[in-house]
Amino acid sequence: MDRTHVVESLSHLLADSYTLYLKSHHHHWNVTGPMFTTLHTLFETQYSELALAVDEIAERIRALGAPAPGSYTEFAALAKIEEARGIPRAEEMIEGLLADQETVAASARAVVAAAEAAGDQATADLGTRRIDVHEKNAWMLRSHLE
């Protein structure tokens, strides 16, 4: 099996997931306003799940025989998600995290496509599970904007 594209797609997923983890944690610390308690808890739930996910993704990269990226510099070069800057209003936090959840779901779809092309069912399964999580998280965030 040619693992090159699989590892590349996993590395992008790892970078996007880690950047989203940091951003969710940042917003958890800094959210204010009438939805404080709800959003503080929601952001914590989402970043806690991501903390486990990044480990699983990195370990899959290692299982495929490649080194896992793990520095801010590497993640910045690989991620489509931009790090948090400043302290946005709560609604802007929700909108940004919603877009980022959708971006990570797209990264997970790329993992599934690469894994299926390489006949790597284990990685395809990981990608499918990540799609499910990020689509659900996007729904939860979107519901706060309706």
Protein backbone atom coordinates (compact mmCIF):
# COMPACT_ATOMS: atom_id res chain seq x y z
CA MET A 1 0.00 0.00 0.00
CA ASP A 2 1.28 3.49 -0.85
CA ARG A 3 0.93 5.29 2.45
CA THR A 4 2.26 8.67 1.30
CA HIS A 5 -1.13 10.25 0.55
CA VAL A 6 -2.71 8.64 3.59
CA VAL A 7 -0.04 10.06 5.89
CA GLU A 8 -0.28 13.48 4.21
CA SER A 9 -4.04 13.60 4.68
CA LEU A 10 -3.72 12.43 8.29
CA SER A 11 -1.10 15.12 8.94
CA HIS A 12 -3.48 17.80 7.67
CA LEU A 13 -6.28 16.36 9.80
CA LEU A 14 -3.98 16.36 12.84
CA ALA A 15 -2.95 19.98 12.26
CA ASP A 16 -6.54 21.14 11.74
CA SER A 17 -7.71 19.19 14.79
CA TYR A 18 -4.96 20.53 17.03
CA THR A 19 -5.54 24.09 15.89
CA LEU A 20 -9.26 23.69 16.53
CA TYR A 21 -8.45 22.25 19.96
CA LEU A 22 -6.42 25.37 20.80
CA LYS A 23 -9.06 27.72 19.43
CA SER A 24 -11.88 25.96 21.30
CA HIS A 25 -9.86 26.09 24.52
CA HIS A 26 -9.10 29.78 23.95
CA HIS A 27 -12.78 30.56 23.46
CA HIS A 28 -13.70 28.46 26.51
CA TRP A 29 -11.43 30.64 28.64
CA ASN A 30 -12.55 33.94 27.14
CA VAL A 31 -16.25 33.68 26.30
CA THR A 32 -18.52 36.25 27.98
CA GLY A 33 -22.11 37.34 27.75
CA PRO A 34 -25.58 35.95 28.38
CA MET A 35 -24.71 32.52 26.90
CA PHE A 36 -21.56 32.22 29.04
CA THR A 37 -22.40 29.03 30.94
CA THR A 38 -23.78 27.20 27.93
CA LEU A 39 -20.90 28.14 25.65
CA HIS A 40 -18.22 27.66 28.31
CA THR A 41 -19.47 24.10 28.78
CA LEU A 42 -19.97 23.40 25.06
CA PHE A 43 -16.48 24.61 24.16
CA GLU A 44 -15.01 22.46 26.98
CA THR A 45 -16.85 19.39 25.72
CA GLN A 46 -15.55 19.96 22.22
CA TYR A 47 -11.92 20.66 23.14
CA SER A 48 -11.85 17.69 25.52
CA GLU A 49 -12.94 15.37 22.72
CA LEU A 50 -10.31 16.89 20.42
CA ALA A 51 -7.57 16.28 23.00
CA LEU A 52 -8.23 12.56 22.66
CA ALA A 53 -8.65 12.73 18.89
CA VAL A 54 -5.29 14.32 18.18
CA ASP A 55 -3.57 11.49 20.01
CA GLU A 56 -5.46 8.88 17.99
CA ILE A 57 -4.65 10.62 14.71
CA ALA A 58 -0.95 11.03 15.56
CA GLU A 59 -0.70 7.40 16.64
CA ARG A 60 -2.26 6.29 13.34
CA ILE A 61 0.42 8.26 11.49
CA ARG A 62 3.06 6.47 13.58
CA ALA A 63 1.42 3.09 12.95
CA LEU A 64 1.82 3.78 9.23
CA GLY A 65 5.56 4.25 9.79
CA ALA A 66 5.81 8.03 9.49
CA PRO A 67 6.70 10.69 12.05
CA ALA A 68 3.75 12.70 13.32
CA PRO A 69 4.01 16.50 13.09
CA GLY A 70 3.92 18.07 16.52
CA SER A 71 5.12 21.65 16.54
CA TYR A 72 3.22 24.90 16.17
CA THR A 73 5.33 25.64 13.10
CA GLU A 74 4.41 22.33 11.46
CA PHE A 75 0.75 22.68 12.37
CA ALA A 76 0.60 26.25 11.02
CA ALA A 77 2.04 25.06 7.71
CA LEU A 78 -0.38 22.11 7.45
CA ALA A 79 -3.62 23.52 8.88
CA LYS A 80 -6.39 25.26 6.98
CA ILE A 81 -7.77 26.58 10.26
CA GLU A 82 -6.27 29.80 11.54
CA GLU A 83 -5.41 30.26 15.17
CA ALA A 84 -7.53 32.50 17.38
CA ARG A 85 -6.55 36.15 17.50
CA GLY A 86 -8.00 38.60 19.95
CA ILE A 87 -11.21 38.05 21.85
CA PRO A 88 -14.23 37.95 19.54
CA ARG A 89 -17.81 38.35 20.75
CA ALA A 90 -19.55 35.11 21.71
CA GLU A 91 -21.55 34.95 18.47
CA GLU A 92 -18.37 35.42 16.43
CA MET A 93 -16.75 32.60 18.43
CA ILE A 94 -19.65 30.32 17.52
CA GLU A 95 -19.53 31.31 13.84
CA GLY A 96 -15.77 30.76 13.68
CA LEU A 97 -15.85 27.42 15.45
CA LEU A 98 -18.76 26.31 13.24
CA ALA A 99 -16.72 27.05 10.11
CA ASP A 100 -13.71 25.30 11.65
CA GLN A 101 -15.72 22.17 12.52
CA GLU A 102 -16.81 22.03 8.88
CA THR A 103 -13.20 22.46 7.77
CA VAL A 104 -12.07 19.57 9.96
CA ALA A 105 -14.91 17.41 8.62
CA ALA A 106 -13.63 18.17 5.10
CA SER A 107 -10.10 17.20 6.19
CA ALA A 108 -11.51 13.94 7.54
CA ARG A 109 -13.26 13.29 4.21
CA ALA A 110 -9.88 13.68 2.48
CA VAL A 111 -8.47 11.07 4.90
CA VAL A 112 -11.26 8.66 3.99
CA ALA A 113 -10.69 9.18 0.26
CA ALA A 114 -6.92 8.67 0.54
CA ALA A 115 -7.32 5.64 2.80
CA GLU A 116 -9.89 3.98 0.56
CA ALA A 117 -7.68 4.56 -2.49
CA ALA A 118 -4.82 2.86 -0.62
CA GLY A 119 -6.97 0.00 0.70
CA ASP A 120 -6.39 1.16 4.30
CA GLN A 121 -9.64 0.34 6.07
CA ALA A 122 -8.37 1.24 9.56
CA THR A 123 -7.54 4.80 8.53
CA ALA A 124 -10.78 5.10 6.55
CA ASP A 125 -12.65 4.10 9.71
CA LEU A 126 -10.80 6.74 11.75
CA GLY A 127 -11.70 9.37 9.15
CA THR A 128 -15.35 8.32 9.12
CA ARG A 129 -15.56 8.57 12.90
CA ARG A 130 -14.01 12.06 12.77
CA ILE A 131 -16.54 13.18 10.14
CA ASP A 132 -19.37 12.08 12.43
CA VAL A 133 -17.97 13.99 15.42
CA HIS A 134 -17.33 17.21 13.53
CA GLU A 135 -20.68 17.20 11.75
CA LYS A 136 -22.40 16.77 15.11
CA ASN A 137 -20.30 19.55 16.66
CA ALA A 138 -21.16 21.83 13.73
CA TRP A 139 -24.85 21.11 14.30
CA MET A 140 -24.53 21.95 17.99
CA LEU A 141 -22.84 25.26 17.20
CA ARG A 142 -25.22 26.09 14.34
CA SER A 143 -28.17 25.59 16.69
CA HIS A 144 -26.93 28.51 18.80
CA LEU A 145 -27.19 30.82 15.81
CA GLU A 146 -30.76 29.96 14.78
